C-alpha atoms as a PDB file:
ATOM      1  CA  MET A   1       3.409  14.112 -12.131  1.00  0.00           C
ATOM      2  CA  THR A   2      -0.353  12.646 -12.536  1.00  0.00           C
ATOM      3  CA  GLU A   3      -3.269  13.640 -10.600  1.00  0.00           C
ATOM      4  CA  PHE A   4      -3.256   9.754 -10.516  1.00  0.00           C
ATOM      5  CA  ASP A   5       0.447   9.637  -9.603  1.00  0.00           C
ATOM      6  CA  ARG A   6       0.004  12.168  -6.705  1.00  0.00           C
ATOM      7  CA  GLN A   7      -2.710   9.954  -5.313  1.00  0.00           C
ATOM      8  CA  VAL A   8      -0.652   6.842  -5.306  1.00  0.00           C
ATOM      9  CA  VAL A   9       1.739   8.145  -3.027  1.00  0.00           C
ATOM     10  CA  GLN A  10      -0.684   9.810  -0.940  1.00  0.00           C
ATOM     11  CA  ILE A  11      -2.437   6.469  -0.421  1.00  0.00           C
ATOM     12  CA  ALA A  12       1.204   4.588   0.272  1.00  0.00           C
ATOM     13  CA  SER A  13       2.132   8.011   2.772  1.00  0.00           C
ATOM     14  CA  LEU A  14      -1.446   6.893   4.770  1.00  0.00           C
ATOM     15  CA  GLY A  15      -0.357   3.429   5.314  1.00  0.00           C
ATOM     16  CA  VAL A  16       2.961   4.758   6.826  1.00  0.00           C
ATOM     17  CA  TRP A  17       0.781   7.186   8.609  1.00  0.00           C
ATOM     18  CA  ALA A  18      -1.837   4.789  10.138  1.00  0.00           C
ATOM     19  CA  VAL A  19       0.088   1.990  11.072  1.00  0.00           C
ATOM     20  CA  VAL A  20       3.265   4.108  12.496  1.00  0.00           C
ATOM     21  CA  THR A  21       0.911   6.346  14.404  1.00  0.00           C
ATOM     22  CA  GLY A  22      -2.069   4.346  15.341  1.00  0.00           C
ATOM     23  CA  LEU A  23      -4.521   7.436  14.417  1.00  0.00           C
ATOM     24  CA  PRO A  24      -7.344   7.241  11.314  1.00  0.00           C
ATOM     25  CA  MET A  25      -7.349   9.846   7.793  1.00  0.00           C
ATOM     26  CA  LYS A  26      -8.643  13.031   9.149  1.00  0.00           C
ATOM     27  CA  LYS A  27     -10.601  13.051   5.560  1.00  0.00           C
ATOM     28  CA  ARG A  28     -10.990  11.002   2.999  1.00  0.00           C
ATOM     29  CA  LEU A  29      -9.220  11.373  -0.255  1.00  0.00           C
ATOM     30  CA  GLY A  30     -11.120  11.774  -3.465  1.00  0.00           C
ATOM     31  CA  GLN A  31     -11.349   8.963  -5.532  1.00  0.00           C
ATOM     32  CA  VAL A  32      -8.752   9.508  -9.084  1.00  0.00           C
ATOM     33  CA  GLU A  33     -10.330   7.650 -12.034  1.00  0.00           C
ATOM     34  CA  ASP A  34      -7.911   6.100 -14.371  1.00  0.00           C
ATOM     35  CA  PRO A  35      -8.146   2.326 -15.403  1.00  0.00           C
ATOM     36  CA  ARG A  36      -5.015   1.505 -13.485  1.00  0.00           C
ATOM     37  CA  ARG A  37      -6.938   1.568 -10.548  1.00  0.00           C
ATOM     38  CA  GLN A  38      -9.109  -1.728 -11.448  1.00  0.00           C
ATOM     39  CA  GLY A  39      -5.831  -3.676 -11.440  1.00  0.00           C
ATOM     40  CA  LYS A  40      -4.730  -6.168  -9.210  1.00  0.00           C
ATOM     41  CA  ASN A  41      -1.201  -6.142 -10.329  1.00  0.00           C
ATOM     42  CA  GLY A  42       1.937  -6.147  -8.374  1.00  0.00           C
ATOM     43  CA  LEU A  43       3.735  -2.886  -6.488  1.00  0.00           C
ATOM     44  CA  PHE A  44       6.804  -2.340  -4.756  1.00  0.00           C
ATOM     45  CA  VAL A  45       6.615   0.594  -2.120  1.00  0.00           C
ATOM     46  CA  THR A  46      10.254   2.043  -0.865  1.00  0.00           C
ATOM     47  CA  LEU A  47      10.523   4.564   2.181  1.00  0.00           C
ATOM     48  CA  LYS A  48      13.470   6.684   1.471  1.00  0.00           C
ATOM     49  CA  LYS A  49      15.143   8.344   4.395  1.00  0.00           C
ATOM     50  CA  GLU A  50      17.929  11.390   3.255  1.00  0.00           C
ATOM     51  CA  GLY A  51      18.338   9.625  -0.171  1.00  0.00           C
ATOM     52  CA  LYS A  52      18.820   6.013   1.792  1.00  0.00           C
ATOM     53  CA  VAL A  53      16.251   3.270   1.578  1.00  0.00           C
ATOM     54  CA  ARG A  54      14.725   3.095   4.651  1.00  0.00           C
ATOM     55  CA  GLY A  55      12.367   0.695   4.510  1.00  0.00           C
ATOM     56  CA  SER A  56      10.385  -1.368   1.399  1.00  0.00           C
ATOM     57  CA  GLN A  57       7.768  -3.877   0.677  1.00  0.00           C
ATOM     58  CA  GLY A  58       7.060  -5.593  -2.916  1.00  0.00           C
ATOM     59  CA  LEU A  59       4.212  -7.602  -4.149  1.00  0.00           C
ATOM     60  CA  LEU A  60       4.421  -9.649  -7.388  1.00  0.00           C
ATOM     61  CA  GLU A  61       0.953 -10.218  -7.589  1.00  0.00           C
ATOM     62  CA  SER A  62      -2.293  -8.653  -5.861  1.00  0.00           C
ATOM     63  CA  THR A  63      -5.527  -9.884  -4.826  1.00  0.00           C
ATOM     64  CA  THR A  64      -7.108  -6.925  -3.325  1.00  0.00           C
ATOM     65  CA  SER A  65      -7.704  -3.476  -4.777  1.00  0.00           C
ATOM     66  CA  LEU A  66      -5.088  -0.750  -5.967  1.00  0.00           C
ATOM     67  CA  PRO A  67      -5.921   1.328  -3.225  1.00  0.00           C
ATOM     68  CA  GLU A  68      -5.845  -1.378  -0.295  1.00  0.00           C
ATOM     69  CA  THR A  69      -2.582  -3.004  -2.049  1.00  0.00           C
ATOM     70  CA  LEU A  70      -0.821   0.469  -1.971  1.00  0.00           C
ATOM     71  CA  PHE A  71      -1.978   0.919   1.840  1.00  0.00           C
ATOM     72  CA  ASP A  72      -0.939  -2.548   3.111  1.00  0.00           C
ATOM     73  CA  ALA A  73       2.271  -2.891   0.854  1.00  0.00           C
ATOM     74  CA  ALA A  74       3.359   0.765   2.226  1.00  0.00           C
ATOM     75  CA  ALA A  75       2.549   0.249   6.107  1.00  0.00           C
ATOM     76  CA  GLN A  76       4.894  -3.184   6.050  1.00  0.00           C
ATOM     77  CA  ALA A  77       7.362  -1.617   4.443  1.00  0.00           C
ATOM     78  CA  ALA A  78       7.244   1.432   7.784  1.00  0.00           C
ATOM     79  CA  THR A  79       7.464  -1.483   9.920  1.00  0.00           C
ATOM     80  CA  HIS A  80       8.018  -5.522   8.619  1.00  0.00           C
ATOM     81  CA  ASP A  81      11.634  -5.132   6.724  1.00  0.00           C
ATOM     82  CA  GLN A  82      13.762  -6.811   8.971  1.00  0.00           C
ATOM     83  CA  ARG A  83      16.918  -4.997   7.881  1.00  0.00           C
ATOM     84  CA  PHE A  84      15.230  -1.934   9.591  1.00  0.00           C
ATOM     85  CA  ALA A  85      14.024  -0.844  12.746  1.00  0.00           C
ATOM     86  CA  PRO A  86      10.165  -0.078  12.555  1.00  0.00           C
ATOM     87  CA  VAL A  87       9.746   3.712  11.453  1.00  0.00           C
ATOM     88  CA  THR A  88       8.460   5.876  14.390  1.00  0.00           C
ATOM     89  CA  ASP A  89       6.346   9.089  14.019  1.00  0.00           C
ATOM     90  CA  ASN A  90       9.094  11.415  14.429  1.00  0.00           C
ATOM     91  CA  GLU A  91      10.698   9.944  10.996  1.00  0.00           C
ATOM     92  CA  ILE A  92       7.855  10.663   9.133  1.00  0.00           C
ATOM     93  CA  PRO A  93       8.029  14.031   8.104  1.00  0.00           C
ATOM     94  CA  ASP A  94      11.563  13.421   6.402  1.00  0.00           C
ATOM     95  CA  LEU A  95      10.655  10.252   4.557  1.00  0.00           C
ATOM     96  CA  GLU A  96      10.257  10.279   0.344  1.00  0.00           C
ATOM     97  CA  ILE A  97       8.514   7.463  -0.797  1.00  0.00           C
ATOM     98  CA  GLU A  98       8.862   5.854  -3.957  1.00  0.00           C
ATOM     99  CA  VAL A  99       6.156   3.993  -5.684  1.00  0.00           C
ATOM    100  CA  THR A 100       6.724   1.010  -9.009  1.00  0.00           C
END
């Protein structure tokens, strides 16, 4: 996994953290330079717990930057997937986050 790929997952993780706990980030992430960061492409965030889907949200096209889209899609996956109850703060340590 590249540094950029790690940061993509970190940003998605922050989206889940912020919406579930209501707490702010403790420190800002340094920006990893990559041409994909500037794109306004679609993406899909899947949350898994014990290997099973716990929530997901995707966009075919974005109108915001990659970090904003990641953060928002992850937050939506944690709280607005109608197949599941919203993620709770005690579930956060058990979540796996996939971004495609």
